[in-house]
Amino acid sequence: MDPLLAECQCLLVAVSSAVDLIMAHFSISRDPDEKMRLGNSSYSPTISALVLEHLCPAIQNLLNDGLRNHKLDFIIGQRRNHSWNVVEVSTRIARVWCWIPYQSTGQKSPILRMAL
């Protein structure tokens, strides 16, 4: 097996394992109110430990995989690249696209358009 592929699989397995741990935490109860308490770190510190110790590092390792050390900036030149930059860019892209009504024909069916 290709070592690069094996490393990628390990990163995905770590995320999957963290999600499995969190799902097991919530499967303790079937009551929706109890599930709300299980998700609140004030009442259940276990959830914060699962997220901070398992899920966050697994996602960070996945985002860091293949990330270049530096990126070029037109104003300041080279600057350090972080996994947080990936999160910022992906949320910025999600906000740019939105559903808005098709106005030129007056139809009510929405179309996907880029918001300026």
PDB file of N, CA and C in Angstrom:
ATOM      1  N   MET A   1       0.837  -1.179   0.000  1.00  0.00           N
ATOM      2  CA  MET A   1       0.000   0.000   0.000  1.00  0.00           C
ATOM      3  C   MET A   1       0.885   1.247   0.000  1.00  0.00           C
ATOM      4  N   ASP A   2       0.432   2.237  -0.712  1.00  0.00           N
ATOM      5  CA  ASP A   2       1.145   3.502  -0.795  1.00  0.00           C
ATOM      6  C   ASP A   2       1.201   4.164   0.588  1.00  0.00           C
ATOM      7  N   PRO A   3       2.398   4.589   1.055  1.00  0.00           N
ATOM      8  CA  PRO A   3       2.496   5.208   2.377  1.00  0.00           C
ATOM      9  C   PRO A   3       1.670   6.482   2.522  1.00  0.00           C
ATOM     10  N   LEU A   4       1.561   7.244   1.447  1.00  0.00           N
ATOM     11  CA  LEU A   4       0.768   8.470   1.491  1.00  0.00           C
ATOM     12  C   LEU A   4      -0.712   8.145   1.680  1.00  0.00           C
ATOM     13  N   LEU A   5      -1.176   7.118   0.981  1.00  0.00           N
ATOM     14  CA  LEU A   5      -2.560   6.683   1.115  1.00  0.00           C
ATOM     15  C   LEU A   5      -2.825   6.154   2.526  1.00  0.00           C
ATOM     16  N   ALA A   6      -1.882   5.416   3.069  1.00  0.00           N
ATOM     17  CA  ALA A   6      -2.032   4.894   4.428  1.00  0.00           C
ATOM     18  C   ALA A   6      -2.101   6.026   5.446  1.00  0.00           C
ATOM     19  N   GLU A   7      -1.308   7.071   5.237  1.00  0.00           N
ATOM     20  CA  GLU A   7      -1.341   8.218   6.143  1.00  0.00           C
ATOM     21  C   GLU A   7      -2.686   8.933   6.065  1.00  0.00           C
ATOM     22  N   CYS A   8      -3.205   9.097   4.853  1.00  0.00           N
ATOM     23  CA  CYS A   8      -4.515   9.732   4.681  1.00  0.00           C
ATOM     24  C   CYS A   8      -5.614   8.909   5.344  1.00  0.00           C
ATOM     25  N   GLN A   9      -5.517   7.593   5.215  1.00  0.00           N
ATOM     26  CA  GLN A   9      -6.500   6.726   5.852  1.00  0.00           C
ATOM     27  C   GLN A   9      -6.443   6.872   7.367  1.00  0.00           C
ATOM     28  N   CYS A  10      -5.250   6.979   7.922  1.00  0.00           N
ATOM     29  CA  CYS A  10      -5.096   7.153   9.372  1.00  0.00           C
ATOM     30  C   CYS A  10      -5.738   8.455   9.836  1.00  0.00           C
ATOM     31  N   LEU A  11      -5.600   9.507   9.041  1.00  0.00           N
ATOM     32  CA  LEU A  11      -6.206  10.786   9.397  1.00  0.00           C
ATOM     33  C   LEU A  11      -7.732  10.682   9.401  1.00  0.00           C
ATOM     34  N   LEU A  12      -8.275  10.003   8.405  1.00  0.00           N
ATOM     35  CA  LEU A  12      -9.726   9.838   8.339  1.00  0.00           C
ATOM     36  C   LEU A  12     -10.245   8.913   9.431  1.00  0.00           C
ATOM     37  N   VAL A  13      -9.475   7.890   9.761  1.00  0.00           N
ATOM     38  CA  VAL A  13      -9.866   6.973  10.834  1.00  0.00           C
ATOM     39  C   VAL A  13      -9.895   7.708  12.171  1.00  0.00           C
ATOM     40  N   ALA A  14      -8.960   8.625  12.385  1.00  0.00           N
ATOM     41  CA  ALA A  14      -8.936   9.396  13.630  1.00  0.00           C
ATOM     42  C   ALA A  14     -10.183  10.267  13.759  1.00  0.00           C
ATOM     43  N   VAL A  15     -10.598  10.905  12.672  1.00  0.00           N
ATOM     44  CA  VAL A  15     -11.823  11.717  12.700  1.00  0.00           C
ATOM     45  C   VAL A  15     -13.032  10.818  12.934  1.00  0.00           C
ATOM     46  N   SER A  16     -13.080   9.710  12.244  1.00  0.00           N
ATOM     47  CA  SER A  16     -14.193   8.774  12.391  1.00  0.00           C
ATOM     48  C   SER A  16     -14.275   8.222  13.810  1.00  0.00           C
ATOM     49  N   SER A  17     -13.146   7.918  14.412  1.00  0.00           N
ATOM     50  CA  SER A  17     -13.129   7.411  15.785  1.00  0.00           C
ATOM     51  C   SER A  17     -13.626   8.461  16.763  1.00  0.00           C
ATOM     52  N   ALA A  18     -13.222   9.706  16.555  1.00  0.00           N
ATOM     53  CA  ALA A  18     -13.687  10.796  17.420  1.00  0.00           C
ATOM     54  C   ALA A  18     -15.195  10.971  17.301  1.00  0.00           C
ATOM     55  N   VAL A  19     -15.709  10.897  16.079  1.00  0.00           N
ATOM     56  CA  VAL A  19     -17.155  11.015  15.873  1.00  0.00           C
ATOM     57  C   VAL A  19     -17.873   9.844  16.526  1.00  0.00           C
ATOM     58  N   ASP A  20     -17.319   8.647  16.433  1.00  0.00           N
ATOM     59  CA  ASP A  20     -17.917   7.477  17.079  1.00  0.00           C
ATOM     60  C   ASP A  20     -17.984   7.655  18.592  1.00  0.00           C
ATOM     61  N   LEU A  21     -16.931   8.216  19.188  1.00  0.00           N
ATOM     62  CA  LEU A  21     -16.933   8.467  20.631  1.00  0.00           C
ATOM     63  C   LEU A  21     -18.021   9.466  21.016  1.00  0.00           C
ATOM     64  N   ILE A  22     -18.172  10.504  20.216  1.00  0.00           N
ATOM     65  CA  ILE A  22     -19.196  11.511  20.497  1.00  0.00           C
ATOM     66  C   ILE A  22     -20.594  10.916  20.312  1.00  0.00           C
ATOM     67  N   MET A  23     -20.774  10.124  19.271  1.00  0.00           N
ATOM     68  CA  MET A  23     -22.071   9.470  19.056  1.00  0.00           C
ATOM     69  C   MET A  23     -22.404   8.518  20.209  1.00  0.00           C
ATOM     70  N   ALA A  24     -21.415   7.803  20.701  1.00  0.00           N
ATOM     71  CA  ALA A  24     -21.634   6.907  21.840  1.00  0.00           C
ATOM     72  C   ALA A  24     -22.022   7.709  23.081  1.00  0.00           C
ATOM     73  N   HIS A  25     -21.433   8.877  23.241  1.00  0.00           N
ATOM     74  CA  HIS A  25     -21.772   9.738  24.374  1.00  0.00           C
ATOM     75  C   HIS A  25     -23.246  10.134  24.318  1.00  0.00           C
ATOM     76  N   PHE A  26     -23.738  10.485  23.137  1.00  0.00           N
ATOM     77  CA  PHE A  26     -25.127  10.907  23.004  1.00  0.00           C
ATOM     78  C   PHE A  26     -26.108   9.743  22.987  1.00  0.00           C
ATOM     79  N   SER A  27     -25.635   8.539  22.707  1.00  0.00           N
ATOM     80  CA  SER A  27     -26.538   7.387  22.651  1.00  0.00           C
ATOM     81  C   SER A  27     -26.895   6.859  24.038  1.00  0.00           C
ATOM     82  N   ILE A  28     -26.360   7.482  25.080  1.00  0.00           N
ATOM     83  CA  ILE A  28     -26.680   7.078  26.453  1.00  0.00           C
ATOM     84  C   ILE A  28     -28.170   7.244  26.716  1.00  0.00           C
ATOM     85  N   SER A  29     -28.767   8.269  26.148  1.00  0.00           N
ATOM     86  CA  SER A  29     -30.165   8.568  26.419  1.00  0.00           C
ATOM     87  C   SER A  29     -30.931   8.744  25.113  1.00  0.00           C
ATOM     88  N   ARG A  30     -32.253   8.490  25.204  1.00  0.00           N
ATOM     89  CA  ARG A  30     -33.126   8.708  24.058  1.00  0.00           C
ATOM     90  C   ARG A  30     -33.979   9.959  24.253  1.00  0.00           C
ATOM     91  N   ASP A  31     -33.975  10.492  25.448  1.00  0.00           N
ATOM     92  CA  ASP A  31     -34.764  11.680  25.765  1.00  0.00           C
ATOM     93  C   ASP A  31     -34.111  12.923  25.166  1.00  0.00           C
ATOM     94  N   PRO A  32     -34.863  13.705  24.368  1.00  0.00           N
ATOM     95  CA  PRO A  32     -34.276  14.894  23.736  1.00  0.00           C
ATOM     96  C   PRO A  32     -33.733  15.916  24.733  1.00  0.00           C
ATOM     97  N   ASP A  33     -34.423  16.083  25.861  1.00  0.00           N
ATOM     98  CA  ASP A  33     -33.937  17.026  26.875  1.00  0.00           C
ATOM     99  C   ASP A  33     -32.617  16.551  27.486  1.00  0.00           C
ATOM    100  N   GLU A  34     -32.534  15.259  27.714  1.00  0.00           N
ATOM    101  CA  GLU A  34     -31.288  14.706  28.262  1.00  0.00           C
ATOM    102  C   GLU A  34     -30.159  14.830  27.243  1.00  0.00           C
ATOM    103  N   LYS A  35     -30.474  14.651  25.950  1.00  0.00           N
ATOM    104  CA  LYS A  35     -29.447  14.813  24.910  1.00  0.00           C
ATOM    105  C   LYS A  35     -28.945  16.251  24.864  1.00  0.00           C
ATOM    106  N   MET A  36     -29.856  17.221  25.108  1.00  0.00           N
ATOM    107  CA  MET A  36     -29.434  18.627  25.179  1.00  0.00           C
ATOM    108  C   MET A  36     -28.457  18.823  26.332  1.00  0.00           C
ATOM    109  N   ARG A  37     -28.741  18.193  27.467  1.00  0.00           N
ATOM    110  CA  ARG A  37     -27.821  18.301  28.614  1.00  0.00           C
ATOM    111  C   ARG A  37     -26.496  17.604  28.330  1.00  0.00           C
ATOM    112  N   LEU A  38     -26.560  16.485  27.620  1.00  0.00           N
ATOM    113  CA  LEU A  38     -25.327  15.773  27.275  1.00  0.00           C
ATOM    114  C   LEU A  38     -24.444  16.595  26.346  1.00  0.00           C
ATOM    115  N   GLY A  39     -25.036  17.486  25.562  1.00  0.00           N
ATOM    116  CA  GLY A  39     -24.278  18.328  24.649  1.00  0.00           C
ATOM    117  C   GLY A  39     -23.816  19.632  25.266  1.00  0.00           C
ATOM    118  N   ASN A  40     -24.236  19.908  26.481  1.00  0.00           N
ATOM    119  CA  ASN A  40     -23.869  21.142  27.170  1.00  0.00           C
ATOM    120  C   ASN A  40     -22.699  20.845  28.104  1.00  0.00           C
ATOM    121  N   SER A  41     -21.578  21.474  27.871  1.00  0.00           N
ATOM    122  CA  SER A  41     -20.384  21.174  28.668  1.00  0.00           C
ATOM    123  C   SER A  41     -20.514  21.626  30.119  1.00  0.00           C
ATOM    124  N   SER A  42     -21.471  22.512  30.413  1.00  0.00           N
ATOM    125  CA  SER A  42     -21.698  22.915  31.805  1.00  0.00           C
ATOM    126  C   SER A  42     -22.272  21.761  32.614  1.00  0.00           C
ATOM    127  N   TYR A  43     -23.147  20.972  31.987  1.00  0.00           N
ATOM    128  CA  TYR A  43     -23.763  19.836  32.673  1.00  0.00           C
ATOM    129  C   TYR A  43     -22.989  18.548  32.462  1.00  0.00           C
ATOM    130  N   SER A  44     -22.336  18.436  31.320  1.00  0.00           N
ATOM    131  CA  SER A  44     -21.621  17.203  30.983  1.00  0.00           C
ATOM    132  C   SER A  44     -20.222  17.550  30.465  1.00  0.00           C
ATOM    133  N   PRO A  45     -19.241  17.636  31.366  1.00  0.00           N
ATOM    134  CA  PRO A  45     -17.892  17.981  30.921  1.00  0.00           C
ATOM    135  C   PRO A  45     -17.260  16.934  30.004  1.00  0.00           C
ATOM    136  N   THR A  46     -17.860  15.773  29.945  1.00  0.00           N
ATOM    137  CA  THR A  46     -17.334  14.715  29.073  1.00  0.00           C
ATOM    138  C   THR A  46     -17.356  15.141  27.613  1.00  0.00           C
ATOM    139  N   ILE A  47     -18.414  15.860  27.200  1.00  0.00           N
ATOM    140  CA  ILE A  47     -18.521  16.253  25.794  1.00  0.00           C
ATOM    141  C   ILE A  47     -17.398  17.208  25.410  1.00  0.00           C
ATOM    142  N   SER A  48     -17.063  18.124  26.299  1.00  0.00           N
ATOM    143  CA  SER A  48     -15.972  19.047  25.964  1.00  0.00           C
ATOM    144  C   SER A  48     -14.647  18.304  25.872  1.00  0.00           C
ATOM    145  N   ALA A  49     -14.446  17.326  26.728  1.00  0.00           N
ATOM    146  CA  ALA A  49     -13.220  16.529  26.658  1.00  0.00           C
ATOM    147  C   ALA A  49     -13.160  15.743  25.346  1.00  0.00           C
ATOM    148  N   LEU A  50     -14.301  15.173  24.938  1.00  0.00           N
ATOM    149  CA  LEU A  50     -14.318  14.409  23.690  1.00  0.00           C
ATOM    150  C   LEU A  50     -14.019  15.304  22.487  1.00  0.00           C
ATOM    151  N   VAL A  51     -14.617  16.484  22.483  1.00  0.00           N
ATOM    152  CA  VAL A  51     -14.416  17.386  21.347  1.00  0.00           C
ATOM    153  C   VAL A  51     -13.000  17.955  21.349  1.00  0.00           C
ATOM    154  N   LEU A  52     -12.551  18.459  22.508  1.00  0.00           N
ATOM    155  CA  LEU A  52     -11.250  19.124  22.563  1.00  0.00           C
ATOM    156  C   LEU A  52     -10.062  18.168  22.495  1.00  0.00           C
ATOM    157  N   GLU A  53     -10.215  16.967  23.030  1.00  0.00           N
ATOM    158  CA  GLU A  53      -9.086  16.029  23.062  1.00  0.00           C
ATOM    159  C   GLU A  53      -9.064  15.058  21.889  1.00  0.00           C
ATOM    160  N   HIS A  54     -10.224  14.841  21.252  1.00  0.00           N
ATOM    161  CA  HIS A  54     -10.271  13.849  20.170  1.00  0.00           C
ATOM    162  C   HIS A  54     -10.638  14.469  18.815  1.00  0.00           C
ATOM    163  N   LEU A  55     -11.790  15.143  18.758  1.00  0.00           N
ATOM    164  CA  LEU A  55     -12.273  15.630  17.464  1.00  0.00           C
ATOM    165  C   LEU A  55     -11.445  16.795  16.923  1.00  0.00           C
ATOM    166  N   CYS A  56     -11.179  17.800  17.733  1.00  0.00           N
ATOM    167  CA  CYS A  56     -10.432  18.972  17.248  1.00  0.00           C
ATOM    168  C   CYS A  56      -9.029  18.612  16.750  1.00  0.00           C
ATOM    169  N   PRO A  57      -8.249  17.840  17.521  1.00  0.00           N
ATOM    170  CA  PRO A  57      -6.923  17.474  16.991  1.00  0.00           C
ATOM    171  C   PRO A  57      -7.002  16.636  15.712  1.00  0.00           C
ATOM    172  N   ALA A  58      -8.008  15.757  15.623  1.00  0.00           N
ATOM    173  CA  ALA A  58      -8.140  14.929  14.418  1.00  0.00           C
ATOM    174  C   ALA A  58      -8.466  15.794  13.202  1.00  0.00           C
ATOM    175  N   ILE A  59      -9.354  16.765  13.376  1.00  0.00           N
ATOM    176  CA  ILE A  59      -9.700  17.661  12.259  1.00  0.00           C
ATOM    177  C   ILE A  59      -8.517  18.554  11.918  1.00  0.00           C
ATOM    178  N   GLN A  60      -7.812  19.034  12.923  1.00  0.00           N
ATOM    179  CA  GLN A  60      -6.643  19.878  12.657  1.00  0.00           C
ATOM    180  C   GLN A  60      -5.574  19.105  11.891  1.00  0.00           C
ATOM    181  N   ASN A  61      -5.323  17.869  12.279  1.00  0.00           N
ATOM    182  CA  ASN A  61      -4.343  17.057  11.551  1.00  0.00           C
ATOM    183  C   ASN A  61      -4.773  16.815  10.116  1.00  0.00           C
ATOM    184  N   LEU A  62      -6.073  16.626   9.909  1.00  0.00           N
ATOM    185  CA  LEU A  62      -6.584  16.423   8.558  1.00  0.00           C
ATOM    186  C   LEU A  62      -6.418  17.682   7.721  1.00  0.00           C
ATOM    187  N   LEU A  63      -6.702  18.850   8.312  1.00  0.00           N
ATOM    188  CA  LEU A  63      -6.546  20.107   7.584  1.00  0.00           C
ATOM    189  C   LEU A  63      -5.079  20.432   7.310  1.00  0.00           C
ATOM    190  N   ASN A  64      -4.201  20.089   8.254  1.00  0.00           N
ATOM    191  CA  ASN A  64      -2.779  20.381   8.083  1.00  0.00           C
ATOM    192  C   ASN A  64      -2.112  19.476   7.057  1.00  0.00           C
ATOM    193  N   ASP A  65      -2.694  18.330   6.781  1.00  0.00           N
ATOM    194  CA  ASP A  65      -2.098  17.387   5.851  1.00  0.00           C
ATOM    195  C   ASP A  65      -2.030  18.008   4.461  1.00  0.00           C
ATOM    196  N   GLY A  66      -0.851  18.183   3.960  1.00  0.00           N
ATOM    197  CA  GLY A  66      -0.666  18.734   2.625  1.00  0.00           C
ATOM    198  C   GLY A  66      -0.725  20.246   2.565  1.00  0.00           C
ATOM    199  N   LEU A  67      -0.915  20.904   3.700  1.00  0.00           N
ATOM    200  CA  LEU A  67      -0.974  22.360   3.723  1.00  0.00           C
ATOM    201  C   LEU A  67       0.437  22.917   3.587  1.00  0.00           C
ATOM    202  N   ARG A  68       0.613  23.858   2.708  1.00  0.00           N
ATOM    203  CA  ARG A  68       1.932  24.464   2.526  1.00  0.00           C
ATOM    204  C   ARG A  68       2.310  25.280   3.758  1.00  0.00           C
ATOM    205  N   ASN A  69       3.607  25.356   4.037  1.00  0.00           N
ATOM    206  CA  ASN A  69       4.073  26.094   5.216  1.00  0.00           C
ATOM    207  C   ASN A  69       3.824  27.586   5.104  1.00  0.00           C
ATOM    208  N   HIS A  70       3.960  28.125   3.903  1.00  0.00           N
ATOM    209  CA  HIS A  70       3.802  29.568   3.707  1.00  0.00           C
ATOM    210  C   HIS A  70       2.920  29.830   2.499  1.00  0.00           C
ATOM    211  N   LYS A  71       2.309  30.994   2.492  1.00  0.00           N
ATOM    212  CA  LYS A  71       1.579  31.405   1.298  1.00  0.00           C
ATOM    213  C   LYS A  71       2.013  32.816   0.946  1.00  0.00           C
ATOM    214  N   LEU A  72       1.901  33.137  -0.319  1.00  0.00           N
ATOM    215  CA  LEU A  72       2.321  34.455  -0.783  1.00  0.00           C
ATOM    216  C   LEU A  72       1.205  35.466  -0.582  1.00  0.00           C
ATOM    217  N   ASP A  73       1.567  36.592  -0.044  1.00  0.00           N
ATOM    218  CA  ASP A  73       0.636  37.695   0.152  1.00  0.00           C
ATOM    219  C   ASP A  73       1.154  38.855  -0.678  1.00  0.00           C
ATOM    220  N   PHE A  74       0.291  39.507  -1.431  1.00  0.00           N
ATOM    221  CA  PHE A  74       0.725  40.588  -2.306  1.00  0.00           C
ATOM    222  C   PHE A  74       1.303  41.768  -1.535  1.00  0.00           C
ATOM    223  N   ILE A  75       0.814  42.014  -0.338  1.00  0.00           N
ATOM    224  CA  ILE A  75       1.245  43.185   0.411  1.00  0.00           C
ATOM    225  C   ILE A  75       2.477  42.906   1.266  1.00  0.00           C
ATOM    226  N   ILE A  76       2.427  41.829   2.050  1.00  0.00           N
ATOM    227  CA  ILE A  76       3.535  41.579   2.986  1.00  0.00           C
ATOM    228  C   ILE A  76       4.472  40.468   2.545  1.00  0.00           C
ATOM    229  N   GLY A  77       4.240  39.883   1.411  1.00  0.00           N
ATOM    230  CA  GLY A  77       5.108  38.815   0.929  1.00  0.00           C
ATOM    231  C   GLY A  77       4.698  37.466   1.478  1.00  0.00           C
ATOM    232  N   GLN A  78       5.666  36.713   1.950  1.00  0.00           N
ATOM    233  CA  GLN A  78       5.390  35.375   2.450  1.00  0.00           C
ATOM    234  C   GLN A  78       4.874  35.437   3.880  1.00  0.00           C
ATOM    235  N   ARG A  79       3.801  34.681   4.168  1.00  0.00           N
ATOM    236  CA  ARG A  79       3.331  34.597   5.545  1.00  0.00           C
ATOM    237  C   ARG A  79       2.985  33.160   5.880  1.00  0.00           C
ATOM    238  N   ARG A  80       3.053  32.844   7.139  1.00  0.00           N
ATOM    239  CA  ARG A  80       2.846  31.476   7.620  1.00  0.00           C
ATOM    240  C   ARG A  80       1.405  31.041   7.367  1.00  0.00           C
ATOM    241  N   ASN A  81       1.246  29.829   6.915  1.00  0.00           N
ATOM    242  CA  ASN A  81      -0.058  29.258   6.648  1.00  0.00           C
ATOM    243  C   ASN A  81      -0.498  28.416   7.843  1.00  0.00           C
ATOM    244  N   HIS A  82      -1.747  28.512   8.235  1.00  0.00           N
ATOM    245  CA  HIS A  82      -2.287  27.741   9.359  1.00  0.00           C
ATOM    246  C   HIS A  82      -3.550  27.024   8.913  1.00  0.00           C
ATOM    247  N   SER A  83      -3.909  25.987   9.646  1.00  0.00           N
ATOM    248  CA  SER A  83      -5.142  25.270   9.323  1.00  0.00           C
ATOM    249  C   SER A  83      -6.355  26.169   9.508  1.00  0.00           C
ATOM    250  N   TRP A  84      -6.246  27.167  10.370  1.00  0.00           N
ATOM    251  CA  TRP A  84      -7.361  28.086  10.570  1.00  0.00           C
ATOM    252  C   TRP A  84      -7.664  28.867   9.283  1.00  0.00           C
ATOM    253  N   ASN A  85      -6.641  29.111   8.448  1.00  0.00           N
ATOM    254  CA  ASN A  85      -6.869  29.783   7.173  1.00  0.00           C
ATOM    255  C   ASN A  85      -7.827  28.986   6.295  1.00  0.00           C
ATOM    256  N   VAL A  86      -7.738  27.662   6.353  1.00  0.00           N
ATOM    257  CA  VAL A  86      -8.631  26.801   5.575  1.00  0.00           C
ATOM    258  C   VAL A  86     -10.070  27.010   6.042  1.00  0.00           C
ATOM    259  N   VAL A  87     -10.264  27.079   7.349  1.00  0.00           N
ATOM    260  CA  VAL A  87     -11.603  27.282   7.911  1.00  0.00           C
ATOM    261  C   VAL A  87     -12.142  28.649   7.506  1.00  0.00           C
ATOM    262  N   GLU A  88     -11.307  29.682   7.611  1.00  0.00           N
ATOM    263  CA  GLU A  88     -11.745  31.033   7.261  1.00  0.00           C
ATOM    264  C   GLU A  88     -12.143  31.129   5.788  1.00  0.00           C
ATOM    265  N   VAL A  89     -11.344  30.557   4.918  1.00  0.00           N
ATOM    266  CA  VAL A  89     -11.639  30.620   3.484  1.00  0.00           C
ATOM    267  C   VAL A  89     -12.903  29.835   3.168  1.00  0.00           C
ATOM    268  N   SER A  90     -13.078  28.669   3.763  1.00  0.00           N
ATOM    269  CA  SER A  90     -14.265  27.868   3.456  1.00  0.00           C
ATOM    270  C   SER A  90     -15.534  28.528   3.966  1.00  0.00           C
ATOM    271  N   THR A  91     -15.490  29.213   5.094  1.00  0.00           N
ATOM    272  CA  THR A  91     -16.686  29.917   5.569  1.00  0.00           C
ATOM    273  C   THR A  91     -16.958  31.147   4.720  1.00  0.00           C
ATOM    274  N   ARG A  92     -15.906  31.790   4.250  1.00  0.00           N
ATOM    275  CA  ARG A  92     -16.073  32.954   3.382  1.00  0.00           C
ATOM    276  C   ARG A  92     -16.741  32.529   2.073  1.00  0.00           C
ATOM    277  N   ILE A  93     -16.349  31.402   1.529  1.00  0.00           N
ATOM    278  CA  ILE A  93     -16.937  30.894   0.280  1.00  0.00           C
ATOM    279  C   ILE A  93     -18.407  30.550   0.510  1.00  0.00           C
ATOM    280  N   ALA A  94     -18.729  29.954   1.653  1.00  0.00           N
ATOM    281  CA  ALA A  94     -20.119  29.576   1.940  1.00  0.00           C
ATOM    282  C   ALA A  94     -21.011  30.798   2.059  1.00  0.00           C
ATOM    283  N   ARG A  95     -20.486  31.904   2.564  1.00  0.00           N
ATOM    284  CA  ARG A  95     -21.292  33.114   2.705  1.00  0.00           C
ATOM    285  C   ARG A  95     -21.501  33.814   1.370  1.00  0.00           C
ATOM    286  N   VAL A  96     -20.625  33.611   0.422  1.00  0.00           N
ATOM    287  CA  VAL A  96     -20.721  34.301  -0.865  1.00  0.00           C
ATOM    288  C   VAL A  96     -21.896  33.765  -1.669  1.00  0.00           C
ATOM    289  N   TRP A  97     -22.165  32.482  -1.575  1.00  0.00           N
ATOM    290  CA  TRP A  97     -23.243  31.869  -2.340  1.00  0.00           C
ATOM    291  C   TRP A  97     -24.519  31.869  -1.511  1.00  0.00           C
ATOM    292  N   CYS A  98     -25.597  32.314  -2.074  1.00  0.00           N
ATOM    293  CA  CYS A  98     -26.871  32.319  -1.358  1.00  0.00           C
ATOM    294  C   CYS A  98     -28.019  32.152  -2.351  1.00  0.00           C
ATOM    295  N   TRP A  99     -29.180  31.810  -1.834  1.00  0.00           N
ATOM    296  CA  TRP A  99     -30.380  31.674  -2.663  1.00  0.00           C
ATOM    297  C   TRP A  99     -31.081  33.025  -2.698  1.00  0.00           C
ATOM    298  N   ILE A 100     -31.302  33.551  -3.906  1.00  0.00           N
ATOM    299  CA  ILE A 100     -32.056  34.788  -4.035  1.00  0.00           C
ATOM    300  C   ILE A 100     -33.074  34.622  -5.151  1.00  0.00           C
ATOM    301  N   PRO A 101     -34.218  35.303  -5.064  1.00  0.00           N
ATOM    302  CA  PRO A 101     -35.265  35.121  -6.092  1.00  0.00           C
ATOM    303  C   PRO A 101     -34.806  35.599  -7.467  1.00  0.00           C
ATOM    304  N   TYR A 102     -35.317  34.956  -8.471  1.00  0.00           N
ATOM    305  CA  TYR A 102     -35.018  35.336  -9.845  1.00  0.00           C
ATOM    306  C   TYR A 102     -35.851  36.568 -10.173  1.00  0.00           C
ATOM    307  N   GLN A 103     -35.210  37.718 -10.326  1.00  0.00           N
ATOM    308  CA  GLN A 103     -35.932  38.976 -10.398  1.00  0.00           C
ATOM    309  C   GLN A 103     -36.246  39.437 -11.819  1.00  0.00           C
ATOM    310  N   SER A 104     -35.512  39.010 -12.804  1.00  0.00           N
ATOM    311  CA  SER A 104     -35.719  39.570 -14.144  1.00  0.00           C
ATOM    312  C   SER A 104     -37.050  39.142 -14.756  1.00  0.00           C
ATOM    313  N   THR A 105     -37.563  37.955 -14.425  1.00  0.00           N
ATOM    314  CA  THR A 105     -38.848  37.522 -14.977  1.00  0.00           C
ATOM    315  C   THR A 105     -39.956  37.571 -13.940  1.00  0.00           C
ATOM    316  N   GLY A 106     -39.625  37.889 -12.707  1.00  0.00           N
ATOM    317  CA  GLY A 106     -40.629  37.955 -11.660  1.00  0.00           C
ATOM    318  C   GLY A 106     -41.055  36.595 -11.144  1.00  0.00           C
ATOM    319  N   GLN A 107     -40.359  35.530 -11.563  1.00  0.00           N
ATOM    320  CA  GLN A 107     -40.700  34.203 -11.080  1.00  0.00           C
ATOM    321  C   GLN A 107     -40.327  34.077  -9.610  1.00  0.00           C
ATOM    322  N   LYS A 108     -41.047  33.195  -8.911  1.00  0.00           N
ATOM    323  CA  LYS A 108     -40.771  33.012  -7.499  1.00  0.00           C
ATOM    324  C   LYS A 108     -39.739  31.921  -7.240  1.00  0.00           C
ATOM    325  N   SER A 109     -39.407  31.136  -8.252  1.00  0.00           N
ATOM    326  CA  SER A 109     -38.444  30.062  -8.030  1.00  0.00           C
ATOM    327  C   SER A 109     -37.049  30.649  -7.827  1.00  0.00           C
ATOM    328  N   PRO A 110     -36.354  30.240  -6.766  1.00  0.00           N
ATOM    329  CA  PRO A 110     -35.037  30.807  -6.505  1.00  0.00           C
ATOM    330  C   PRO A 110     -33.971  30.195  -7.408  1.00  0.00           C
ATOM    331  N   ILE A 111     -32.938  30.944  -7.637  1.00  0.00           N
ATOM    332  CA  ILE A 111     -31.788  30.432  -8.357  1.00  0.00           C
ATOM    333  C   ILE A 111     -30.542  30.698  -7.491  1.00  0.00           C
ATOM    334  N   LEU A 112     -29.547  29.942  -7.754  1.00  0.00           N
ATOM    335  CA  LEU A 112     -28.299  30.129  -7.017  1.00  0.00           C
ATOM    336  C   LEU A 112     -27.487  31.210  -7.713  1.00  0.00           C
ATOM    337  N   ARG A 113     -27.227  32.295  -7.009  1.00  0.00           N
ATOM    338  CA  ARG A 113     -26.468  33.396  -7.579  1.00  0.00           C
ATOM    339  C   ARG A 113     -25.404  33.835  -6.602  1.00  0.00           C
ATOM    340  N   MET A 114     -24.380  34.409  -7.121  1.00  0.00           N
ATOM    341  CA  MET A 114     -23.303  34.898  -6.267  1.00  0.00           C
ATOM    342  C   MET A 114     -23.706  36.249  -5.702  1.00  0.00           C
ATOM    343  N   ALA A 115     -23.649  36.369  -4.363  1.00  0.00           N
ATOM    344  CA  ALA A 115     -23.985  37.633  -3.712  1.00  0.00           C
ATOM    345  C   ALA A 115     -22.742  38.520  -3.706  1.00  0.00           C
ATOM    346  N   LEU A 116     -22.926  39.771  -4.000  1.00  0.00           N
ATOM    347  CA  LEU A 116     -21.799  40.711  -4.046  1.00  0.00           C
ATOM    348  C   LEU A 116     -21.641  41.450  -2.769  1.00  0.00           C
TER     349      LEU A 116
END
